Amino acid sequence: MAFWIKRTSPAEGDFEKLSPPLREAYERGRKDERAARKHHPFVMAGLLVLAATGASMITLAAMTGSFGEGGAVADMKLAQAADTTAPVMDQAITRTQDAARNAGAAIQDKTKSVLRGGKEN
């Protein structure tokens, strides 16, 4: 085994040779260590986004020659993206509101029909 590879668990044969109390202690220790190293996916995703943003800003700065010009380019691109995205988002919101209104009206009609003694579809 290379010196840079650490054995983190006993070998298969070694684990079977452990006494039951020692085996239980080993398993408890593994569970405790696993619980202490919880990964938070939202934090990791946030860090990934921040790292990607930083890398893109450094790339823009390198391409334009200065951080000021790189920031101006980033601001211009963000403004273009916002202008393109705003109408699409407005349409999506309007469609969602219409669908919710139609669903609510359908539920009200069906409820009134059931309360009047009509048959439910």
PDB file of N, CA and C in Angstrom:
ATOM      1  N   MET A   1       0.850  -1.168   0.000  1.00  0.00           N
ATOM      2  CA  MET A   1       0.000   0.000   0.000  1.00  0.00           C
ATOM      3  C   MET A   1       0.897   1.233   0.000  1.00  0.00           C
ATOM      4  N   ALA A   2       0.540   2.195  -0.813  1.00  0.00           N
ATOM      5  CA  ALA A   2       1.323   3.417  -0.905  1.00  0.00           C
ATOM      6  C   ALA A   2       1.190   4.222   0.382  1.00  0.00           C
ATOM      7  N   PHE A   3       2.206   5.027   0.700  1.00  0.00           N
ATOM      8  CA  PHE A   3       2.192   5.754   1.964  1.00  0.00           C
ATOM      9  C   PHE A   3       1.140   6.859   1.994  1.00  0.00           C
ATOM     10  N   TRP A   4       0.664   7.314   0.847  1.00  0.00           N
ATOM     11  CA  TRP A   4      -0.324   8.392   0.840  1.00  0.00           C
ATOM     12  C   TRP A   4      -1.772   7.881   0.936  1.00  0.00           C
ATOM     13  N   ILE A   5      -1.976   6.589   0.881  1.00  0.00           N
ATOM     14  CA  ILE A   5      -3.316   6.021   1.012  1.00  0.00           C
ATOM     15  C   ILE A   5      -3.498   5.550   2.448  1.00  0.00           C
ATOM     16  N   LYS A   6      -4.498   6.126   3.118  1.00  0.00           N
ATOM     17  CA  LYS A   6      -4.762   5.730   4.501  1.00  0.00           C
ATOM     18  C   LYS A   6      -5.863   4.673   4.520  1.00  0.00           C
ATOM     19  N   ARG A   7      -5.689   3.697   5.386  1.00  0.00           N
ATOM     20  CA  ARG A   7      -6.766   2.732   5.592  1.00  0.00           C
ATOM     21  C   ARG A   7      -7.759   3.359   6.544  1.00  0.00           C
ATOM     22  N   THR A   8      -8.997   3.504   6.088  1.00  0.00           N
ATOM     23  CA  THR A   8      -9.997   4.150   6.929  1.00  0.00           C
ATOM     24  C   THR A   8     -10.865   3.143   7.665  1.00  0.00           C
ATOM     25  N   SER A   9     -10.779   1.894   7.294  1.00  0.00           N
ATOM     26  CA  SER A   9     -11.573   0.873   7.977  1.00  0.00           C
ATOM     27  C   SER A   9     -10.748  -0.406   8.048  1.00  0.00           C
ATOM     28  N   PRO A  10     -11.073  -1.251   9.001  1.00  0.00           N
ATOM     29  CA  PRO A  10     -10.312  -2.504   9.091  1.00  0.00           C
ATOM     30  C   PRO A  10     -10.601  -3.390   7.876  1.00  0.00           C
ATOM     31  N   ALA A  11      -9.645  -4.221   7.544  1.00  0.00           N
ATOM     32  CA  ALA A  11      -9.830  -5.154   6.435  1.00  0.00           C
ATOM     33  C   ALA A  11     -10.946  -6.135   6.784  1.00  0.00           C
ATOM     34  N   GLU A  12     -11.487  -6.783   5.779  1.00  0.00           N
ATOM     35  CA  GLU A  12     -12.623  -7.693   5.981  1.00  0.00           C
ATOM     36  C   GLU A  12     -12.325  -8.738   7.057  1.00  0.00           C
ATOM     37  N   GLY A  13     -11.181  -9.364   6.974  1.00  0.00           N
ATOM     38  CA  GLY A  13     -10.838 -10.391   7.953  1.00  0.00           C
ATOM     39  C   GLY A  13     -10.636  -9.809   9.339  1.00  0.00           C
ATOM     40  N   ASP A  14     -10.062  -8.606   9.412  1.00  0.00           N
ATOM     41  CA  ASP A  14      -9.813  -7.972  10.711  1.00  0.00           C
ATOM     42  C   ASP A  14     -11.122  -7.622  11.406  1.00  0.00           C
ATOM     43  N   PHE A  15     -12.097  -7.160  10.667  1.00  0.00           N
ATOM     44  CA  PHE A  15     -13.368  -6.747  11.261  1.00  0.00           C
ATOM     45  C   PHE A  15     -14.093  -7.940  11.872  1.00  0.00           C
ATOM     46  N   GLU A  16     -14.018  -9.066  11.232  1.00  0.00           N
ATOM     47  CA  GLU A  16     -14.689 -10.268  11.738  1.00  0.00           C
ATOM     48  C   GLU A  16     -14.026 -10.780  13.021  1.00  0.00           C
ATOM     49  N   LYS A  17     -12.730 -10.484  13.194  1.00  0.00           N
ATOM     50  CA  LYS A  17     -12.009 -10.952  14.365  1.00  0.00           C
ATOM     51  C   LYS A  17     -12.265 -10.082  15.593  1.00  0.00           C
ATOM     52  N   LEU A  18     -12.851  -8.908  15.408  1.00  0.00           N
ATOM     53  CA  LEU A  18     -13.093  -8.014  16.548  1.00  0.00           C
ATOM     54  C   LEU A  18     -14.150  -8.601  17.474  1.00  0.00           C
ATOM     55  N   SER A  19     -13.981  -8.322  18.747  1.00  0.00           N
ATOM     56  CA  SER A  19     -14.972  -8.787  19.717  1.00  0.00           C
ATOM     57  C   SER A  19     -16.254  -7.984  19.537  1.00  0.00           C
ATOM     58  N   PRO A  20     -17.414  -8.548  19.916  1.00  0.00           N
ATOM     59  CA  PRO A  20     -18.685  -7.836  19.716  1.00  0.00           C
ATOM     60  C   PRO A  20     -18.726  -6.431  20.313  1.00  0.00           C
ATOM     61  N   PRO A  21     -18.237  -6.201  21.557  1.00  0.00           N
ATOM     62  CA  PRO A  21     -18.274  -4.813  22.059  1.00  0.00           C
ATOM     63  C   PRO A  21     -17.397  -3.869  21.240  1.00  0.00           C
ATOM     64  N   LEU A  22     -16.249  -4.369  20.784  1.00  0.00           N
ATOM     65  CA  LEU A  22     -15.356  -3.542  19.984  1.00  0.00           C
ATOM     66  C   LEU A  22     -15.969  -3.267  18.612  1.00  0.00           C
ATOM     67  N   ARG A  23     -16.642  -4.250  18.051  1.00  0.00           N
ATOM     68  CA  ARG A  23     -17.316  -4.086  16.766  1.00  0.00           C
ATOM     69  C   ARG A  23     -18.437  -3.045  16.887  1.00  0.00           C
ATOM     70  N   GLU A  24     -19.204  -3.114  17.984  1.00  0.00           N
ATOM     71  CA  GLU A  24     -20.278  -2.132  18.205  1.00  0.00           C
ATOM     72  C   GLU A  24     -19.709  -0.734  18.373  1.00  0.00           C
ATOM     73  N   ALA A  25     -18.609  -0.622  19.093  1.00  0.00           N
ATOM     74  CA  ALA A  25     -17.969   0.680  19.293  1.00  0.00           C
ATOM     75  C   ALA A  25     -17.476   1.240  17.957  1.00  0.00           C
ATOM     76  N   TYR A  26     -16.924   0.347  17.130  1.00  0.00           N
ATOM     77  CA  TYR A  26     -16.451   0.761  15.815  1.00  0.00           C
ATOM     78  C   TYR A  26     -17.614   1.287  14.968  1.00  0.00           C
ATOM     79  N   GLU A  27     -18.718   0.559  14.955  1.00  0.00           N
ATOM     80  CA  GLU A  27     -19.887   0.986  14.176  1.00  0.00           C
ATOM     81  C   GLU A  27     -20.457   2.297  14.703  1.00  0.00           C
ATOM     82  N   ARG A  28     -20.506   2.459  16.033  1.00  0.00           N
ATOM     83  CA  ARG A  28     -20.988   3.724  16.622  1.00  0.00           C
ATOM     84  C   ARG A  28     -20.100   4.882  16.194  1.00  0.00           C
ATOM     85  N   GLY A  29     -18.805   4.645  16.208  1.00  0.00           N
ATOM     86  CA  GLY A  29     -17.858   5.679  15.791  1.00  0.00           C
ATOM     87  C   GLY A  29     -18.050   6.068  14.341  1.00  0.00           C
ATOM     88  N   ARG A  30     -18.299   5.070  13.490  1.00  0.00           N
ATOM     89  CA  ARG A  30     -18.549   5.367  12.075  1.00  0.00           C
ATOM     90  C   ARG A  30     -19.811   6.188  11.910  1.00  0.00           C
ATOM     91  N   LYS A  31     -20.875   5.821  12.628  1.00  0.00           N
ATOM     92  CA  LYS A  31     -22.134   6.568  12.545  1.00  0.00           C
ATOM     93  C   LYS A  31     -21.960   7.995  13.047  1.00  0.00           C
ATOM     94  N   ASP A  32     -21.236   8.157  14.164  1.00  0.00           N
ATOM     95  CA  ASP A  32     -21.002   9.494  14.703  1.00  0.00           C
ATOM     96  C   ASP A  32     -20.216  10.356  13.719  1.00  0.00           C
ATOM     97  N   GLU A  33     -19.191   9.769  13.125  1.00  0.00           N
ATOM     98  CA  GLU A  33     -18.376  10.522  12.170  1.00  0.00           C
ATOM     99  C   GLU A  33     -19.192  10.892  10.934  1.00  0.00           C
ATOM    100  N   ARG A  34     -20.010   9.976  10.458  1.00  0.00           N
ATOM    101  CA  ARG A  34     -20.860  10.257   9.300  1.00  0.00           C
ATOM    102  C   ARG A  34     -21.850  11.376   9.625  1.00  0.00           C
ATOM    103  N   ALA A  35     -22.410  11.377  10.840  1.00  0.00           N
ATOM    104  CA  ALA A  35     -23.352  12.417  11.241  1.00  0.00           C
ATOM    105  C   ALA A  35     -22.653  13.770  11.370  1.00  0.00           C
ATOM    106  N   ALA A  36     -21.394  13.761  11.787  1.00  0.00           N
ATOM    107  CA  ALA A  36     -20.659  15.011  11.950  1.00  0.00           C
ATOM    108  C   ALA A  36     -20.279  15.625  10.610  1.00  0.00           C
ATOM    109  N   ARG A  37     -20.241  14.835   9.564  1.00  0.00           N
ATOM    110  CA  ARG A  37     -19.834  15.321   8.250  1.00  0.00           C
ATOM    111  C   ARG A  37     -21.024  15.455   7.307  1.00  0.00           C
ATOM    112  N   LYS A  38     -22.096  16.031   7.793  1.00  0.00           N
ATOM    113  CA  LYS A  38     -23.260  16.209   6.930  1.00  0.00           C
ATOM    114  C   LYS A  38     -22.938  17.209   5.830  1.00  0.00           C
ATOM    115  N   HIS A  39     -23.374  16.876   4.643  1.00  0.00           N
ATOM    116  CA  HIS A  39     -23.185  17.774   3.511  1.00  0.00           C
ATOM    117  C   HIS A  39     -24.490  18.514   3.273  1.00  0.00           C
ATOM    118  N   HIS A  40     -24.385  19.789   3.037  1.00  0.00           N
ATOM    119  CA  HIS A  40     -25.561  20.605   2.782  1.00  0.00           C
ATOM    120  C   HIS A  40     -25.581  20.968   1.299  1.00  0.00           C
ATOM    121  N   PRO A  41     -26.492  20.383   0.515  1.00  0.00           N
ATOM    122  CA  PRO A  41     -26.465  20.595  -0.937  1.00  0.00           C
ATOM    123  C   PRO A  41     -26.704  22.047  -1.336  1.00  0.00           C
ATOM    124  N   PHE A  42     -27.516  22.793  -0.581  1.00  0.00           N
ATOM    125  CA  PHE A  42     -27.773  24.173  -0.961  1.00  0.00           C
ATOM    126  C   PHE A  42     -26.539  25.042  -0.727  1.00  0.00           C
ATOM    127  N   VAL A  43     -25.818  24.770   0.348  1.00  0.00           N
ATOM    128  CA  VAL A  43     -24.590  25.513   0.608  1.00  0.00           C
ATOM    129  C   VAL A  43     -23.560  25.188  -0.463  1.00  0.00           C
ATOM    130  N   MET A  44     -23.454  23.912  -0.802  1.00  0.00           N
ATOM    131  CA  MET A  44     -22.495  23.517  -1.828  1.00  0.00           C
ATOM    132  C   MET A  44     -22.854  24.121  -3.184  1.00  0.00           C
ATOM    133  N   ALA A  45     -24.143  24.153  -3.519  1.00  0.00           N
ATOM    134  CA  ALA A  45     -24.574  24.753  -4.782  1.00  0.00           C
ATOM    135  C   ALA A  45     -24.280  26.251  -4.781  1.00  0.00           C
ATOM    136  N   GLY A  46     -24.511  26.912  -3.647  1.00  0.00           N
ATOM    137  CA  GLY A  46     -24.208  28.338  -3.554  1.00  0.00           C
ATOM    138  C   GLY A  46     -22.725  28.615  -3.740  1.00  0.00           C
ATOM    139  N   LEU A  47     -21.897  27.789  -3.118  1.00  0.00           N
ATOM    140  CA  LEU A  47     -20.452  27.956  -3.282  1.00  0.00           C
ATOM    141  C   LEU A  47     -20.016  27.712  -4.723  1.00  0.00           C
ATOM    142  N   LEU A  48     -20.637  26.758  -5.380  1.00  0.00           N
ATOM    143  CA  LEU A  48     -20.325  26.481  -6.776  1.00  0.00           C
ATOM    144  C   LEU A  48     -20.691  27.676  -7.655  1.00  0.00           C
ATOM    145  N   VAL A  49     -21.849  28.277  -7.404  1.00  0.00           N
ATOM    146  CA  VAL A  49     -22.269  29.452  -8.178  1.00  0.00           C
ATOM    147  C   VAL A  49     -21.310  30.611  -7.935  1.00  0.00           C
ATOM    148  N   LEU A  50     -20.939  30.828  -6.670  1.00  0.00           N
ATOM    149  CA  LEU A  50     -19.994  31.903  -6.365  1.00  0.00           C
ATOM    150  C   LEU A  50     -18.641  31.672  -7.033  1.00  0.00           C
ATOM    151  N   ALA A  51     -18.170  30.445  -7.016  1.00  0.00           N
ATOM    152  CA  ALA A  51     -16.889  30.133  -7.647  1.00  0.00           C
ATOM    153  C   ALA A  51     -16.958  30.344  -9.159  1.00  0.00           C
ATOM    154  N   ALA A  52     -18.062  29.921  -9.779  1.00  0.00           N
ATOM    155  CA  ALA A  52     -18.218  30.112 -11.220  1.00  0.00           C
ATOM    156  C   ALA A  52     -18.291  31.601 -11.563  1.00  0.00           C
ATOM    157  N   THR A  53     -18.992  32.377 -10.732  1.00  0.00           N
ATOM    158  CA  THR A  53     -19.085  33.812 -10.960  1.00  0.00           C
ATOM    159  C   THR A  53     -17.707  34.465 -10.835  1.00  0.00           C
ATOM    160  N   GLY A  54     -16.976  34.081  -9.809  1.00  0.00           N
ATOM    161  CA  GLY A  54     -15.632  34.629  -9.638  1.00  0.00           C
ATOM    162  C   GLY A  54     -14.715  34.277 -10.787  1.00  0.00           C
ATOM    163  N   ALA A  55     -14.795  33.035 -11.238  1.00  0.00           N
ATOM    164  CA  ALA A  55     -13.963  32.614 -12.366  1.00  0.00           C
ATOM    165  C   ALA A  55     -14.325  33.380 -13.635  1.00  0.00           C
ATOM    166  N   SER A  56     -15.615  33.604 -13.852  1.00  0.00           N
ATOM    167  CA  SER A  56     -16.013  34.347 -15.054  1.00  0.00           C
ATOM    168  C   SER A  56     -15.578  35.807 -14.968  1.00  0.00           C
ATOM    169  N   MET A  57     -15.627  36.397 -13.765  1.00  0.00           N
ATOM    170  CA  MET A  57     -15.176  37.789 -13.616  1.00  0.00           C
ATOM    171  C   MET A  57     -13.663  37.901 -13.845  1.00  0.00           C
ATOM    172  N   ILE A  58     -12.916  36.945 -13.362  1.00  0.00           N
ATOM    173  CA  ILE A  58     -11.466  36.965 -13.585  1.00  0.00           C
ATOM    174  C   ILE A  58     -11.170  36.770 -15.069  1.00  0.00           C
ATOM    175  N   THR A  59     -11.930  35.900 -15.730  1.00  0.00           N
ATOM    176  CA  THR A  59     -11.755  35.690 -17.163  1.00  0.00           C
ATOM    177  C   THR A  59     -12.068  36.961 -17.936  1.00  0.00           C
ATOM    178  N   LEU A  60     -13.176  37.629 -17.592  1.00  0.00           N
ATOM    179  CA  LEU A  60     -13.505  38.892 -18.260  1.00  0.00           C
ATOM    180  C   LEU A  60     -12.424  39.942 -18.027  1.00  0.00           C
ATOM    181  N   ALA A  61     -11.918  40.000 -16.814  1.00  0.00           N
ATOM    182  CA  ALA A  61     -10.859  40.966 -16.516  1.00  0.00           C
ATOM    183  C   ALA A  61      -9.606  40.674 -17.334  1.00  0.00           C
ATOM    184  N   ALA A  62      -9.276  39.407 -17.482  1.00  0.00           N
ATOM    185  CA  ALA A  62      -8.103  39.034 -18.275  1.00  0.00           C
ATOM    186  C   ALA A  62      -8.312  39.352 -19.756  1.00  0.00           C
ATOM    187  N   MET A  63      -9.528  39.133 -20.247  1.00  0.00           N
ATOM    188  CA  MET A  63      -9.813  39.383 -21.663  1.00  0.00           C
ATOM    189  C   MET A  63      -9.842  40.878 -21.989  1.00  0.00           C
ATOM    190  N   THR A  64     -10.383  41.683 -21.087  1.00  0.00           N
ATOM    191  CA  THR A  64     -10.509  43.114 -21.365  1.00  0.00           C
ATOM    192  C   THR A  64      -9.319  43.922 -20.869  1.00  0.00           C
ATOM    193  N   GLY A  65      -8.507  43.373 -20.026  1.00  0.00           N
ATOM    194  CA  GLY A  65      -7.322  44.066 -19.572  1.00  0.00           C
ATOM    195  C   GLY A  65      -7.452  44.700 -18.203  1.00  0.00           C
ATOM    196  N   SER A  66      -8.665  44.843 -17.676  1.00  0.00           N
ATOM    197  CA  SER A  66      -8.806  45.414 -16.332  1.00  0.00           C
ATOM    198  C   SER A  66     -10.117  44.950 -15.718  1.00  0.00           C
ATOM    199  N   PHE A  67     -10.173  45.022 -14.410  1.00  0.00           N
ATOM    200  CA  PHE A  67     -11.387  44.617 -13.717  1.00  0.00           C
ATOM    201  C   PHE A  67     -12.521  45.603 -13.965  1.00  0.00           C
ATOM    202  N   GLY A  68     -12.201  46.875 -14.131  1.00  0.00           N
ATOM    203  CA  GLY A  68     -13.232  47.883 -14.401  1.00  0.00           C
ATOM    204  C   GLY A  68     -13.946  47.621 -15.714  1.00  0.00           C
ATOM    205  N   GLU A  69     -13.165  47.359 -16.754  1.00  0.00           N
ATOM    206  CA  GLU A  69     -13.765  47.063 -18.056  1.00  0.00           C
ATOM    207  C   GLU A  69     -14.493  45.724 -18.030  1.00  0.00           C
ATOM    208  N   GLY A  70     -13.936  44.751 -17.301  1.00  0.00           N
ATOM    209  CA  GLY A  70     -14.605  43.449 -17.172  1.00  0.00           C
ATOM    210  C   GLY A  70     -15.939  43.585 -16.473  1.00  0.00           C
ATOM    211  N   GLY A  71     -16.001  44.432 -15.433  1.00  0.00           N
ATOM    212  CA  GLY A  71     -17.259  44.688 -14.737  1.00  0.00           C
ATOM    213  C   GLY A  71     -18.275  45.367 -15.631  1.00  0.00           C
ATOM    214  N   ALA A  72     -17.798  46.290 -16.474  1.00  0.00           N
ATOM    215  CA  ALA A  72     -18.713  46.964 -17.407  1.00  0.00           C
ATOM    216  C   ALA A  72     -19.294  45.973 -18.403  1.00  0.00           C
ATOM    217  N   VAL A  73     -18.463  45.059 -18.893  1.00  0.00           N
ATOM    218  CA  VAL A  73     -18.946  44.034 -19.824  1.00  0.00           C
ATOM    219  C   VAL A  73     -19.968  43.136 -19.126  1.00  0.00           C
ATOM    220  N   ALA A  74     -19.675  42.743 -17.889  1.00  0.00           N
ATOM    221  CA  ALA A  74     -20.603  41.882 -17.147  1.00  0.00           C
ATOM    222  C   ALA A  74     -21.922  42.606 -16.910  1.00  0.00           C
ATOM    223  N   ASP A  75     -21.861  43.899 -16.546  1.00  0.00           N
ATOM    224  CA  ASP A  75     -23.092  44.667 -16.345  1.00  0.00           C
ATOM    225  C   ASP A  75     -23.911  44.744 -17.633  1.00  0.00           C
ATOM    226  N   MET A  76     -23.237  44.968 -18.756  1.00  0.00           N
ATOM    227  CA  MET A  76     -23.943  45.056 -20.035  1.00  0.00           C
ATOM    228  C   MET A  76     -24.629  43.724 -20.366  1.00  0.00           C
ATOM    229  N   LYS A  77     -23.926  42.619 -20.163  1.00  0.00           N
ATOM    230  CA  LYS A  77     -24.502  41.300 -20.466  1.00  0.00           C
ATOM    231  C   LYS A  77     -25.667  40.981 -19.531  1.00  0.00           C
ATOM    232  N   LEU A  78     -25.540  41.356 -18.260  1.00  0.00           N
ATOM    233  CA  LEU A  78     -26.641  41.120 -17.319  1.00  0.00           C
ATOM    234  C   LEU A  78     -27.863  41.952 -17.681  1.00  0.00           C
ATOM    235  N   ALA A  79     -27.644  43.185 -18.119  1.00  0.00           N
ATOM    236  CA  ALA A  79     -28.764  44.038 -18.530  1.00  0.00           C
ATOM    237  C   ALA A  79     -29.456  43.451 -19.753  1.00  0.00           C
ATOM    238  N   GLN A  80     -28.684  42.943 -20.705  1.00  0.00           N
ATOM    239  CA  GLN A  80     -29.283  42.311 -21.889  1.00  0.00           C
ATOM    240  C   GLN A  80     -30.088  41.082 -21.495  1.00  0.00           C
ATOM    241  N   ALA A  81     -29.550  40.290 -20.591  1.00  0.00           N
ATOM    242  CA  ALA A  81     -30.263  39.084 -20.151  1.00  0.00           C
ATOM    243  C   ALA A  81     -31.550  39.455 -19.425  1.00  0.00           C
ATOM    244  N   ALA A  82     -31.503  40.491 -18.598  1.00  0.00           N
ATOM    245  CA  ALA A  82     -32.703  40.919 -17.870  1.00  0.00           C
ATOM    246  C   ALA A  82     -33.764  41.440 -18.831  1.00  0.00           C
ATOM    247  N   ASP A  83     -33.346  42.195 -19.848  1.00  0.00           N
ATOM    248  CA  ASP A  83     -34.302  42.713 -20.829  1.00  0.00           C
ATOM    249  C   ASP A  83     -34.943  41.591 -21.631  1.00  0.00           C
ATOM    250  N   THR A  84     -34.191  40.553 -21.927  1.00  0.00           N
ATOM    251  CA  THR A  84     -34.718  39.421 -22.689  1.00  0.00           C
ATOM    252  C   THR A  84     -35.622  38.550 -21.828  1.00  0.00           C
ATOM    253  N   THR A  85     -35.275  38.397 -20.566  1.00  0.00           N
ATOM    254  CA  THR A  85     -35.987  37.475 -19.681  1.00  0.00           C
ATOM    255  C   THR A  85     -37.276  38.062 -19.130  1.00  0.00           C
ATOM    256  N   ALA A  86     -37.339  39.361 -18.909  1.00  0.00           N
ATOM    257  CA  ALA A  86     -38.502  39.983 -18.269  1.00  0.00           C
ATOM    258  C   ALA A  86     -39.814  39.703 -19.002  1.00  0.00           C
ATOM    259  N   PRO A  87     -39.907  39.898 -20.327  1.00  0.00           N
ATOM    260  CA  PRO A  87     -41.185  39.618 -20.999  1.00  0.00           C
ATOM    261  C   PRO A  87     -41.591  38.146 -20.931  1.00  0.00           C
ATOM    262  N   VAL A  88     -40.622  37.266 -21.022  1.00  0.00           N
ATOM    263  CA  VAL A  88     -40.911  35.827 -20.949  1.00  0.00           C
ATOM    264  C   VAL A  88     -41.455  35.472 -19.572  1.00  0.00           C
ATOM    265  N   MET A  89     -40.848  36.025 -18.542  1.00  0.00           N
ATOM    266  CA  MET A  89     -41.319  35.765 -17.180  1.00  0.00           C
ATOM    267  C   MET A  89     -42.716  36.339 -16.967  1.00  0.00           C
ATOM    268  N   ASP A  90     -42.977  37.529 -17.507  1.00  0.00           N
ATOM    269  CA  ASP A  90     -44.309  38.123 -17.381  1.00  0.00           C
ATOM    270  C   ASP A  90     -45.362  37.233 -18.039  1.00  0.00           C
ATOM    271  N   GLN A  91     -45.044  36.704 -19.211  1.00  0.00           N
ATOM    272  CA  GLN A  91     -45.979  35.804 -19.895  1.00  0.00           C
ATOM    273  C   GLN A  91     -46.207  34.536 -19.076  1.00  0.00           C
ATOM    274  N   ALA A  92     -45.159  33.978 -18.530  1.00  0.00           N
ATOM    275  CA  ALA A  92     -45.294  32.752 -17.737  1.00  0.00           C
ATOM    276  C   ALA A  92     -46.145  33.010 -16.496  1.00  0.00           C
ATOM    277  N   ILE A  93     -45.950  34.159 -15.855  1.00  0.00           N
ATOM    278  CA  ILE A  93     -46.740  34.493 -14.666  1.00  0.00           C
ATOM    279  C   ILE A  93     -48.203  34.663 -15.040  1.00  0.00           C
ATOM    280  N   THR A  94     -48.466  35.348 -16.146  1.00  0.00           N
ATOM    281  CA  THR A  94     -49.846  35.559 -16.594  1.00  0.00           C
ATOM    282  C   THR A  94     -50.526  34.230 -16.907  1.00  0.00           C
ATOM    283  N   ARG A  95     -49.828  33.349 -17.597  1.00  0.00           N
ATOM    284  CA  ARG A  95     -50.404  32.031 -17.917  1.00  0.00           C
ATOM    285  C   ARG A  95     -50.687  31.224 -16.658  1.00  0.00           C
ATOM    286  N   THR A  96     -49.783  31.292 -15.698  1.00  0.00           N
ATOM    287  CA  THR A  96     -49.977  30.563 -14.447  1.00  0.00           C
ATOM    288  C   THR A  96     -51.175  31.110 -13.684  1.00  0.00           C
ATOM    289  N   GLN A  97     -51.313  32.420 -13.643  1.00  0.00           N
ATOM    290  CA  GLN A  97     -52.460  33.031 -12.966  1.00  0.00           C
ATOM    291  C   GLN A  97     -53.768  32.624 -13.641  1.00  0.00           C
ATOM    292  N   ASP A  98     -53.790  32.645 -14.985  1.00  0.00           N
ATOM    293  CA  ASP A  98     -55.000  32.241 -15.715  1.00  0.00           C
ATOM    294  C   ASP A  98     -55.348  30.779 -15.439  1.00  0.00           C
ATOM    295  N   ALA A  99     -54.329  29.918 -15.432  1.00  0.00           N
ATOM    296  CA  ALA A  99     -54.575  28.499 -15.168  1.00  0.00           C
ATOM    297  C   ALA A  99     -55.114  28.303 -13.749  1.00  0.00           C
ATOM    298  N   ALA A 100     -54.590  29.050 -12.787  1.00  0.00           N
ATOM    299  CA  ALA A 100     -55.073  28.934 -11.403  1.00  0.00           C
ATOM    300  C   ALA A 100     -56.517  29.425 -11.303  1.00  0.00           C
ATOM    301  N   ARG A 101     -56.835  30.518 -11.987  1.00  0.00           N
ATOM    302  CA  ARG A 101     -58.217  31.024 -11.969  1.00  0.00           C
ATOM    303  C   ARG A 101     -59.171  30.007 -12.594  1.00  0.00           C
ATOM    304  N   ASN A 102     -58.780  29.442 -13.727  1.00  0.00           N
ATOM    305  CA  ASN A 102     -59.637  28.462 -14.405  1.00  0.00           C
ATOM    306  C   ASN A 102     -59.833  27.215 -13.545  1.00  0.00           C
ATOM    307  N   ALA A 103     -58.766  26.778 -12.888  1.00  0.00           N
ATOM    308  CA  ALA A 103     -58.885  25.601 -12.020  1.00  0.00           C
ATOM    309  C   ALA A 103     -59.793  25.912 -10.835  1.00  0.00           C
ATOM    310  N   GLY A 104     -59.658  27.098 -10.268  1.00  0.00           N
ATOM    311  CA  GLY A 104     -60.515  27.494  -9.155  1.00  0.00           C
ATOM    312  C   GLY A 104     -61.971  27.574  -9.562  1.00  0.00           C
ATOM    313  N   ALA A 105     -62.230  28.126 -10.743  1.00  0.00           N
ATOM    314  CA  ALA A 105     -63.601  28.215 -11.238  1.00  0.00           C
ATOM    315  C   ALA A 105     -64.178  26.823 -11.479  1.00  0.00           C
ATOM    316  N   ALA A 106     -63.376  25.929 -12.033  1.00  0.00           N
ATOM    317  CA  ALA A 106     -63.845  24.561 -12.283  1.00  0.00           C
ATOM    318  C   ALA A 106     -64.173  23.854 -10.976  1.00  0.00           C
ATOM    319  N   ILE A 107     -63.359  24.062  -9.964  1.00  0.00           N
ATOM    320  CA  ILE A 107     -63.617  23.442  -8.657  1.00  0.00           C
ATOM    321  C   ILE A 107     -64.894  24.011  -8.046  1.00  0.00           C
ATOM    322  N   GLN A 108     -65.096  25.315  -8.167  1.00  0.00           N
ATOM    323  CA  GLN A 108     -66.306  25.933  -7.631  1.00  0.00           C
ATOM    324  C   GLN A 108     -67.550  25.395  -8.337  1.00  0.00           C
ATOM    325  N   ASP A 109     -67.483  25.299  -9.664  1.00  0.00           N
ATOM    326  CA  ASP A 109     -68.624  24.785 -10.426  1.00  0.00           C
ATOM    327  C   ASP A 109     -68.944  23.343 -10.025  1.00  0.00           C
ATOM    328  N   LYS A 110     -67.912  22.543  -9.899  1.00  0.00           N
ATOM    329  CA  LYS A 110     -68.121  21.138  -9.533  1.00  0.00           C
ATOM    330  C   LYS A 110     -68.700  21.036  -8.119  1.00  0.00           C
ATOM    331  N   THR A 111     -68.204  21.864  -7.201  1.00  0.00           N
ATOM    332  CA  THR A 111     -68.715  21.860  -5.827  1.00  0.00           C
ATOM    333  C   THR A 111     -70.184  22.266  -5.793  1.00  0.00           C
ATOM    334  N   LYS A 112     -70.534  23.299  -6.539  1.00  0.00           N
ATOM    335  CA  LYS A 112     -71.932  23.741  -6.589  1.00  0.00           C
ATOM    336  C   LYS A 112     -72.819  22.643  -7.164  1.00  0.00           C
ATOM    337  N   SER A 113     -72.310  21.965  -8.175  1.00  0.00           N
ATOM    338  CA  SER A 113     -73.075  20.890  -8.807  1.00  0.00           C
ATOM    339  C   SER A 113     -73.314  19.754  -7.818  1.00  0.00           C
ATOM    340  N   VAL A 114     -72.290  19.393  -7.057  1.00  0.00           N
ATOM    341  CA  VAL A 114     -72.419  18.305  -6.077  1.00  0.00           C
ATOM    342  C   VAL A 114     -73.378  18.728  -4.955  1.00  0.00           C
ATOM    343  N   LEU A 115     -73.277  19.958  -4.508  1.00  0.00           N
ATOM    344  CA  LEU A 115     -74.145  20.439  -3.417  1.00  0.00           C
ATOM    345  C   LEU A 115     -75.608  20.521  -3.854  1.00  0.00           C
ATOM    346  N   ARG A 116     -75.867  20.757  -5.124  1.00  0.00           N
ATOM    347  CA  ARG A 116     -77.245  20.820  -5.630  1.00  0.00           C
ATOM    348  C   ARG A 116     -77.824  19.434  -5.855  1.00  0.00           C
ATOM    349  N   GLY A 117     -77.022  18.425  -5.676  1.00  0.00           N
ATOM    350  CA  GLY A 117     -77.514  17.066  -5.836  1.00  0.00           C
ATOM    351  C   GLY A 117     -77.235  16.484  -7.201  1.00  0.00           C
ATOM    352  N   GLY A 118     -76.448  17.207  -7.974  1.00  0.00           N
ATOM    353  CA  GLY A 118     -76.101  16.703  -9.311  1.00  0.00           C
ATOM    354  C   GLY A 118     -75.086  15.589  -9.194  1.00  0.00           C
ATOM    355  N   LYS A 119     -74.861  14.913 -10.306  1.00  0.00           N
ATOM    356  CA  LYS A 119     -73.882  13.829 -10.319  1.00  0.00           C
ATOM    357  C   LYS A 119     -72.479  14.387 -10.463  1.00  0.00           C
ATOM    358  N   GLU A 120     -71.552  13.735  -9.776  1.00  0.00           N
ATOM    359  CA  GLU A 120     -70.141  14.117  -9.889  1.00  0.00           C
ATOM    360  C   GLU A 120     -69.576  13.391 -11.067  1.00  0.00           C
ATOM    361  N   ASN A 121     -68.756  14.041 -11.872  1.00  0.00           N
ATOM    362  CA  ASN A 121     -68.178  13.409 -13.060  1.00  0.00           C
ATOM    363  C   ASN A 121     -67.085  12.487 -12.693  1.00  0.00           C
TER     364      ASN A 121
END
